[in-house]
Structure formats: structure tokens, C-alpha cells
């Protein structure tokens, strides 16, 4: 049995960690994970591959948009 959590075994673990730190206090870790997952699937669908740097850029844009929407509602 592995001691690694699901996030740590993900090819995007470093991306999630960086985005969690960047958006701490703005978004929950669950929201960051969901955005990374959505970015992964979106990249695959559009380009056929999902390199971590592409997934990070897409997820960051998602998180910025969510933060903007939340601030406008607030």
C-alpha cells in the first residue's frame, strides 16, 4: 500500500500545490483541485495532450475568473 495521497500521485500535484498557495484565502483546496481537473480534461479535448504547464495556465485562468465573479457578487 502506498503512503502517497491521491493528489501527491497526480501528475499535477506540483501544479495543485502552487495554485493552492497562490489562491490561499481566495479559494478552497477543493476548488483548486476541481479547476485543475477541469483544465486537464479541457486541454485533452482541445489539444489532445495535457502538459502540466498548459494545465496550470488554464486552471489559473479558471481560478481568476471565479475570484472575479465572487468579488462582483460580494
C-alpha atoms as a PDB file:
ATOM      1  CA  UNK A   1       0.000   0.000   0.000  1.00  0.00           C
ATOM      2  CA  UNK A   2       1.314   3.414  -0.965  1.00  0.00           C
ATOM      3  CA  UNK A   3       1.843   6.223   1.522  1.00  0.00           C
ATOM      4  CA  UNK A   4       1.116   8.795  -1.186  1.00  0.00           C
ATOM      5  CA  UNK A   5      -2.207  10.575  -1.222  1.00  0.00           C
ATOM      6  CA  UNK A   6      -4.180  10.817  -4.444  1.00  0.00           C
ATOM      7  CA  UNK A   7      -3.028  14.426  -5.006  1.00  0.00           C
ATOM      8  CA  UNK A   8       0.617  13.519  -4.442  1.00  0.00           C
ATOM      9  CA  UNK A   9       0.439  10.724  -7.000  1.00  0.00           C
ATOM     10  CA  UNK A  10      -1.175  13.003  -9.584  1.00  0.00           C
ATOM     11  CA  UNK A  11       0.976  14.270 -12.440  1.00  0.00           C
ATOM     12  CA  UNK A  12      -0.405  17.676 -11.485  1.00  0.00           C
ATOM     13  CA  UNK A  13       0.477  17.559  -7.781  1.00  0.00           C
ATOM     14  CA  UNK A  14       3.029  20.358  -8.140  1.00  0.00           C
ATOM     15  CA  UNK A  15       0.528  22.435 -10.116  1.00  0.00           C
ATOM     16  CA  UNK A  16      -2.122  21.979  -7.414  1.00  0.00           C
ATOM     17  CA  UNK A  17       0.348  22.842  -4.664  1.00  0.00           C
ATOM     18  CA  UNK A  18       1.463  26.023  -6.420  1.00  0.00           C
ATOM     19  CA  UNK A  19      -2.100  27.125  -7.154  1.00  0.00           C
ATOM     20  CA  UNK A  20      -3.260  26.351  -3.607  1.00  0.00           C
ATOM     21  CA  UNK A  21      -0.528  28.642  -2.280  1.00  0.00           C
ATOM     22  CA  UNK A  22      -1.260  31.324  -4.868  1.00  0.00           C
ATOM     23  CA  UNK A  23      -5.002  31.319  -4.164  1.00  0.00           C
ATOM     24  CA  UNK A  24      -4.884  30.664  -0.419  1.00  0.00           C
ATOM     25  CA  UNK A  25      -7.578  32.715   1.255  1.00  0.00           C
ATOM     26  CA  UNK A  26      -9.406  33.082  -2.057  1.00  0.00           C
ATOM     27  CA  UNK A  27     -10.337  29.513  -2.992  1.00  0.00           C
ATOM     28  CA  UNK A  28     -10.536  26.251  -1.064  1.00  0.00           C
ATOM     29  CA  UNK A  29      -8.180  23.432  -1.946  1.00  0.00           C
ATOM     30  CA  UNK A  30     -11.216  21.551  -3.269  1.00  0.00           C
ATOM     31  CA  UNK A  31     -11.921  24.353  -5.748  1.00  0.00           C
ATOM     32  CA  UNK A  32      -8.296  24.363  -6.886  1.00  0.00           C
ATOM     33  CA  UNK A  33      -8.390  20.596  -7.423  1.00  0.00           C
ATOM     34  CA  UNK A  34     -11.615  20.857  -9.421  1.00  0.00           C
ATOM     35  CA  UNK A  35     -10.144  23.595 -11.618  1.00  0.00           C
ATOM     36  CA  UNK A  36      -7.005  21.554 -12.254  1.00  0.00           C
ATOM     37  CA  UNK A  37      -9.134  18.539 -13.186  1.00  0.00           C
ATOM     38  CA  UNK A  38     -11.306  20.651 -15.490  1.00  0.00           C
ATOM     39  CA  UNK A  39      -8.206  22.161 -17.083  1.00  0.00           C
ATOM     40  CA  UNK A  40      -6.753  18.698 -17.625  1.00  0.00           C
ATOM     41  CA  UNK A  41      -9.849  17.438 -19.423  1.00  0.00           C
ATOM     42  CA  UNK A  42     -10.254  20.663 -21.375  1.00  0.00           C
ATOM     43  CA  UNK A  43      -6.666  20.545 -22.596  1.00  0.00           C
ATOM     44  CA  UNK A  44      -7.068  16.924 -23.655  1.00  0.00           C
ATOM     45  CA  UNK A  45     -10.269  17.697 -25.505  1.00  0.00           C
ATOM     46  CA  UNK A  46      -8.926  20.733 -27.356  1.00  0.00           C
ATOM     47  CA  UNK A  47      -5.281  19.873 -27.995  1.00  0.00           C
ATOM     48  CA  UNK A  48      -5.068  16.133 -27.446  1.00  0.00           C
ATOM     49  CA  UNK A  49      -2.480  16.447 -24.685  1.00  0.00           C
ATOM     50  CA  UNK A  50      -2.344  17.926 -21.209  1.00  0.00           C
ATOM     51  CA  UNK A  51       1.181  19.022 -20.315  1.00  0.00           C
ATOM     52  CA  UNK A  52       1.348  20.240 -16.714  1.00  0.00           C
ATOM     53  CA  UNK A  53       2.329  23.783 -17.745  1.00  0.00           C
ATOM     54  CA  UNK A  54      -0.729  24.033 -20.016  1.00  0.00           C
ATOM     55  CA  UNK A  55      -2.995  22.642 -17.300  1.00  0.00           C
ATOM     56  CA  UNK A  56      -1.552  25.152 -14.825  1.00  0.00           C
ATOM     57  CA  UNK A  57      -2.202  28.110 -17.144  1.00  0.00           C
ATOM     58  CA  UNK A  58      -5.784  27.028 -17.836  1.00  0.00           C
ATOM     59  CA  UNK A  59      -6.523  26.302 -14.161  1.00  0.00           C
ATOM     60  CA  UNK A  60      -5.056  29.660 -13.112  1.00  0.00           C
ATOM     61  CA  UNK A  61      -7.373  31.441 -15.558  1.00  0.00           C
ATOM     62  CA  UNK A  62     -10.354  29.498 -14.189  1.00  0.00           C
ATOM     63  CA  UNK A  63      -9.417  30.483 -10.647  1.00  0.00           C
ATOM     64  CA  UNK A  64      -9.003  34.152 -11.594  1.00  0.00           C
ATOM     65  CA  UNK A  65     -12.426  34.180 -13.243  1.00  0.00           C
ATOM     66  CA  UNK A  66     -14.029  32.530 -10.214  1.00  0.00           C
ATOM     67  CA  UNK A  67     -12.399  35.095  -7.935  1.00  0.00           C
ATOM     68  CA  UNK A  68     -13.659  37.940 -10.134  1.00  0.00           C
ATOM     69  CA  UNK A  69     -17.209  36.586 -10.112  1.00  0.00           C
ATOM     70  CA  UNK A  70     -17.104  36.126  -6.331  1.00  0.00           C
ATOM     71  CA  UNK A  71     -15.859  39.697  -5.809  1.00  0.00           C
ATOM     72  CA  UNK A  72     -18.633  41.113  -8.022  1.00  0.00           C
ATOM     73  CA  UNK A  73     -21.275  39.207  -6.069  1.00  0.00           C
ATOM     74  CA  UNK A  74     -19.793  40.159  -2.728  1.00  0.00           C
END
